N, C-alpha and C. Protein backbone atom coordinates (compact mmCIF):
# COMPACT_ATOMS: atom_id res chain seq x y z
N ASN A 1 14.89 -9.88 5.92
CA ASN A 1 14.76 -9.53 7.53
C ASN A 1 14.07 -11.03 8.27
N SER A 2 14.59 -11.88 9.01
CA SER A 2 14.28 -12.95 9.62
C SER A 2 12.65 -12.76 10.55
N GLN A 3 12.59 -11.69 10.96
CA GLN A 3 10.96 -11.87 11.23
C GLN A 3 9.97 -11.22 10.55
N GLN A 4 10.27 -11.64 9.17
CA GLN A 4 9.24 -11.53 8.29
C GLN A 4 8.51 -12.95 7.65
N GLN A 5 9.57 -14.13 8.23
CA GLN A 5 9.34 -15.47 7.92
C GLN A 5 9.22 -15.40 6.53
N ARG A 6 9.70 -15.28 5.92
CA ARG A 6 9.63 -15.40 4.14
C ARG A 6 11.15 -15.58 3.32
N ILE A 7 10.79 -16.37 2.57
CA ILE A 7 11.74 -16.47 1.45
C ILE A 7 12.52 -15.03 1.22
N PRO A 8 14.04 -15.06 1.56
CA PRO A 8 14.64 -13.59 1.29
C PRO A 8 14.14 -13.25 -0.19
N GLY A 9 13.82 -12.06 -0.80
CA GLY A 9 13.42 -11.81 -2.07
C GLY A 9 12.52 -12.71 -2.93
N GLY A 10 11.86 -13.42 -2.00
CA GLY A 10 10.94 -14.05 -3.15
C GLY A 10 9.38 -13.37 -2.70
N ALA A 11 8.15 -13.91 -3.60
CA ALA A 11 7.14 -13.53 -3.83
C ALA A 11 5.99 -13.97 -2.77
N SER A 12 6.61 -14.92 -2.26
CA SER A 12 5.73 -15.63 -0.87
C SER A 12 6.02 -14.99 0.39
N GLY A 13 5.26 -13.64 0.64
CA GLY A 13 5.96 -12.94 1.90
C GLY A 13 5.07 -13.62 3.07
N HIS A 14 5.48 -12.75 4.18
CA HIS A 14 5.06 -13.19 5.59
C HIS A 14 3.77 -13.20 5.98
N GLU A 15 2.72 -12.59 4.91
CA GLU A 15 1.39 -12.71 5.16
C GLU A 15 1.12 -13.23 3.68
N THR A 16 0.46 -14.70 4.28
CA THR A 16 -0.17 -15.26 2.88
C THR A 16 -1.55 -15.81 2.87
N ASP A 17 -2.02 -15.98 2.14
CA ASP A 17 -3.36 -16.94 1.93
C ASP A 17 -3.25 -18.42 1.32
N LYS A 18 -4.17 -19.12 1.84
CA LYS A 18 -4.22 -20.57 1.17
C LYS A 18 -5.58 -20.79 0.98
N ARG A 19 -5.91 -22.38 0.54
CA ARG A 19 -7.36 -22.45 0.26
C ARG A 19 -7.64 -22.99 1.53
N SER A 20 -9.14 -22.99 1.61
CA SER A 20 -9.67 -23.33 3.01
C SER A 20 -10.59 -24.03 2.79
N PRO A 21 -11.69 -24.46 3.84
CA PRO A 21 -12.84 -25.43 3.41
C PRO A 21 -14.17 -24.85 2.74
N ASN A 22 -14.10 -23.11 2.69
CA ASN A 22 -14.82 -22.36 1.91
C ASN A 22 -14.51 -21.80 0.42
N SER A 23 -13.35 -22.45 0.12
CA SER A 23 -12.97 -22.32 -1.37
C SER A 23 -13.95 -22.90 -2.16
N PRO A 24 -13.99 -22.34 -3.13
CA PRO A 24 -14.67 -22.98 -4.32
C PRO A 24 -14.81 -24.29 -4.83
N ALA A 25 -15.45 -25.11 -5.35
CA ALA A 25 -15.08 -26.64 -5.60
C ALA A 25 -14.29 -26.17 -7.03
N GLY A 26 -13.27 -27.12 -7.30
CA GLY A 26 -12.52 -27.17 -8.42
C GLY A 26 -11.35 -26.07 -8.64
N THR A 27 -10.87 -25.62 -7.28
CA THR A 27 -10.03 -24.51 -6.95
C THR A 27 -8.20 -25.52 -7.06
N VAL A 28 -7.67 -25.13 -8.26
CA VAL A 28 -6.53 -25.84 -8.66
C VAL A 28 -5.68 -25.07 -8.03
N VAL A 29 -4.46 -25.56 -7.17
CA VAL A 29 -3.16 -25.18 -6.73
C VAL A 29 -2.20 -25.07 -7.98
N LEU A 30 -1.65 -24.21 -8.16
CA LEU A 30 -0.72 -23.88 -9.26
C LEU A 30 0.59 -24.42 -8.69
N ALA A 31 0.83 -23.38 -7.30
CA ALA A 31 2.00 -23.37 -6.39
C ALA A 31 2.06 -22.98 -5.19
N ARG A 32 2.97 -23.10 -4.32
CA ARG A 32 2.85 -23.01 -3.15
C ARG A 32 4.23 -22.25 -2.74
N GLY A 33 4.05 -21.35 -1.74
CA GLY A 33 5.70 -20.67 -1.15
C GLY A 33 5.85 -21.67 -0.08
N GLU A 34 7.30 -21.56 -0.30
CA GLU A 34 8.14 -22.33 0.33
C GLU A 34 8.55 -21.72 2.01
N ASN A 35 7.87 -20.83 2.53
CA ASN A 35 7.97 -20.14 3.57
C ASN A 35 8.05 -21.43 5.12
N PRO A 36 8.68 -20.81 6.06
CA PRO A 36 9.21 -21.76 6.98
C PRO A 36 7.82 -22.59 7.89
N ASP A 37 7.84 -23.12 8.52
CA ASP A 37 6.70 -23.72 8.74
C ASP A 37 5.51 -23.82 8.09
N GLY A 38 5.70 -23.86 7.01
CA GLY A 38 4.48 -23.99 5.95
C GLY A 38 3.71 -23.08 5.86
N GLY A 39 4.13 -22.01 6.13
CA GLY A 39 3.55 -20.49 6.13
C GLY A 39 3.58 -20.14 4.56
N GLY A 40 3.71 -21.04 3.44
CA GLY A 40 3.93 -20.25 2.27
C GLY A 40 2.52 -19.91 1.73
N GLY A 41 2.34 -18.84 0.93
CA GLY A 41 0.76 -18.87 0.52
C GLY A 41 0.66 -19.70 -0.82
N GLU A 42 -0.44 -19.89 -1.50
CA GLU A 42 -0.92 -20.69 -2.30
C GLU A 42 -1.33 -19.56 -3.93
N VAL A 43 -0.74 -19.86 -4.67
CA VAL A 43 -1.38 -19.63 -6.28
C VAL A 43 -2.27 -20.59 -6.53
N VAL A 44 -3.67 -19.92 -6.98
CA VAL A 44 -4.45 -21.02 -7.25
C VAL A 44 -5.64 -20.20 -8.27
N THR A 45 -6.08 -21.36 -9.03
CA THR A 45 -7.17 -20.76 -10.00
C THR A 45 -8.10 -21.63 -10.20
N PHE A 46 -9.42 -21.02 -10.93
CA PHE A 46 -10.58 -21.93 -10.93
C PHE A 46 -11.55 -21.06 -11.77
N GLU A 47 -12.00 -22.01 -12.30
CA GLU A 47 -13.30 -21.54 -13.57
C GLU A 47 -14.73 -21.72 -12.62
N THR A 48 -15.19 -20.39 -13.20
CA THR A 48 -16.68 -20.19 -13.13
C THR A 48 -17.42 -20.94 -13.55
N GLU A 49 -18.91 -21.15 -13.04
CA GLU A 49 -19.85 -21.71 -13.58
C GLU A 49 -19.89 -20.95 -15.05
N SER A 50 -20.19 -19.82 -15.21
CA SER A 50 -20.87 -18.83 -16.05
C SER A 50 -19.40 -18.65 -16.88
N GLY A 51 -17.92 -19.59 -17.03
CA GLY A 51 -17.15 -19.54 -18.08
C GLY A 51 -15.79 -18.71 -17.73
N GLY A 52 -16.16 -17.80 -16.58
CA GLY A 52 -14.97 -17.07 -16.07
C GLY A 52 -14.05 -17.73 -15.60
N ALA A 53 -12.78 -17.02 -14.71
CA ALA A 53 -11.82 -17.75 -14.48
C ALA A 53 -11.40 -16.71 -13.49
N VAL A 54 -10.90 -17.48 -12.49
CA VAL A 54 -10.12 -16.49 -11.56
C VAL A 54 -8.64 -17.03 -10.97
N PHE A 55 -7.60 -16.00 -10.98
CA PHE A 55 -6.22 -16.48 -10.64
C PHE A 55 -6.13 -15.26 -9.46
N SER A 56 -5.44 -16.34 -8.35
CA SER A 56 -5.56 -15.32 -7.23
C SER A 56 -3.93 -15.87 -6.33
N VAL A 57 -3.30 -15.10 -5.97
CA VAL A 57 -1.90 -15.30 -5.58
C VAL A 57 -1.98 -15.12 -3.81
N GLY A 58 -1.46 -15.58 -3.14
CA GLY A 58 -1.63 -15.39 -1.73
C GLY A 58 -0.67 -15.14 -1.09
N SER A 59 -0.02 -14.08 -1.58
CA SER A 59 0.77 -13.20 -1.04
C SER A 59 0.92 -11.64 -1.17
N ILE A 60 1.04 -11.04 0.10
CA ILE A 60 1.10 -9.45 -0.56
C ILE A 60 2.48 -9.35 -0.94
N THR A 61 3.28 -9.94 -0.94
CA THR A 61 4.75 -9.27 -1.61
C THR A 61 4.81 -9.54 -3.33
N TRP A 62 3.74 -10.45 -3.84
CA TRP A 62 3.98 -10.83 -4.95
C TRP A 62 4.12 -9.49 -6.23
N CYS A 63 3.45 -8.63 -5.91
CA CYS A 63 3.39 -7.45 -6.60
C CYS A 63 4.96 -6.68 -6.91
N GLY A 64 5.27 -6.88 -5.39
CA GLY A 64 6.81 -6.10 -5.29
C GLY A 64 7.56 -6.94 -6.02
N SER A 65 7.36 -8.28 -6.19
CA SER A 65 8.17 -9.23 -6.95
C SER A 65 8.29 -9.06 -8.71
N LEU A 66 7.40 -8.21 -9.24
CA LEU A 66 6.92 -7.84 -10.52
C LEU A 66 8.26 -7.77 -11.31
N SER A 67 8.93 -6.65 -10.44
CA SER A 67 9.75 -5.86 -11.38
C SER A 67 11.11 -5.99 -11.56
N HIS A 68 11.37 -7.68 -10.56
CA HIS A 68 12.90 -7.86 -10.33
C HIS A 68 13.36 -8.58 -11.96
N ASN A 69 14.28 -8.67 -12.41
CA ASN A 69 14.94 -9.12 -13.52
C ASN A 69 13.76 -9.00 -14.61
N ASN A 70 13.34 -8.00 -14.88
CA ASN A 70 11.96 -7.93 -16.07
C ASN A 70 11.58 -9.06 -16.33
N TYR A 71 11.18 -9.58 -17.63
CA TYR A 71 10.28 -10.64 -17.79
C TYR A 71 10.92 -12.00 -17.60
N GLU A 72 12.27 -11.98 -17.15
CA GLU A 72 13.23 -13.34 -16.88
C GLU A 72 12.39 -13.90 -15.52
N ASN A 73 12.12 -12.93 -14.84
CA ASN A 73 11.39 -13.21 -13.58
C ASN A 73 10.24 -14.02 -13.95
N ASN A 74 10.19 -15.23 -13.00
CA ASN A 74 8.75 -16.54 -12.86
C ASN A 74 7.91 -15.34 -12.72
N VAL A 75 7.67 -14.55 -11.83
CA VAL A 75 6.53 -14.05 -11.15
C VAL A 75 5.95 -13.09 -12.36
N SER A 76 6.69 -12.10 -12.95
CA SER A 76 6.51 -11.39 -14.18
C SER A 76 6.26 -12.27 -15.53
N ARG A 77 6.60 -13.48 -15.66
CA ARG A 77 6.44 -14.34 -16.77
C ARG A 77 4.61 -14.87 -16.35
N ILE A 78 4.74 -15.72 -15.16
CA ILE A 78 3.32 -16.02 -15.05
C ILE A 78 1.92 -14.65 -14.78
N THR A 79 2.43 -13.71 -14.72
CA THR A 79 1.72 -12.61 -14.54
C THR A 79 1.18 -12.37 -16.01
N GLY A 80 2.22 -12.24 -16.75
CA GLY A 80 2.32 -11.86 -17.98
C GLY A 80 1.10 -12.79 -19.03
N ASN A 81 1.43 -14.20 -18.44
CA ASN A 81 0.64 -15.11 -19.15
C ASN A 81 -0.72 -15.37 -18.78
N VAL A 82 -0.94 -14.75 -17.61
CA VAL A 82 -2.30 -14.92 -17.03
C VAL A 82 -3.08 -13.74 -17.98
N LEU A 83 -2.44 -12.49 -17.78
CA LEU A 83 -3.19 -11.40 -18.64
C LEU A 83 -3.54 -11.74 -19.99
N THR A 84 -2.38 -12.15 -20.42
CA THR A 84 -2.60 -12.69 -22.09
C THR A 84 -3.80 -13.38 -22.14
N ARG A 85 -3.72 -14.48 -21.38
CA ARG A 85 -4.98 -15.48 -21.48
C ARG A 85 -6.45 -14.86 -20.92
N PHE A 86 -6.28 -14.07 -19.97
CA PHE A 86 -7.79 -13.48 -19.70
C PHE A 86 -8.14 -12.33 -21.06
N ALA A 87 -6.87 -11.60 -21.19
CA ALA A 87 -7.22 -10.58 -22.51
C ALA A 87 -7.75 -11.30 -23.35
N SER A 88 -7.39 -12.80 -23.97
CA SER A 88 -7.83 -13.11 -25.34
C SER A 88 -8.93 -14.07 -24.94
N ALA A 89 -9.72 -14.22 -23.99
CA ALA A 89 -10.67 -15.10 -23.81
C ALA A 89 -12.01 -14.40 -24.52
N PRO A 90 -12.85 -15.21 -24.62
CA PRO A 90 -14.10 -14.74 -25.25
C PRO A 90 -15.01 -13.97 -24.48
């Protein structure tokens, strides 16, 4: 639907989030959605001072994209890699 202003079938939906001046220091952008008018969400990560880490996707359609094409789907692969890393962290 062109009203949604998103890449058709993509993981960057019409409601997206991005970094702001209030984002934690050291936030790294891993990917950006290619929505029209610069509206794509950002996939970011950062490590906390206590040794933890955060992975954040800025789109409400990320989860809906998980099931497409099984593990050959980039969204599924990225999510699996993040979960594996977090599960194996000390």
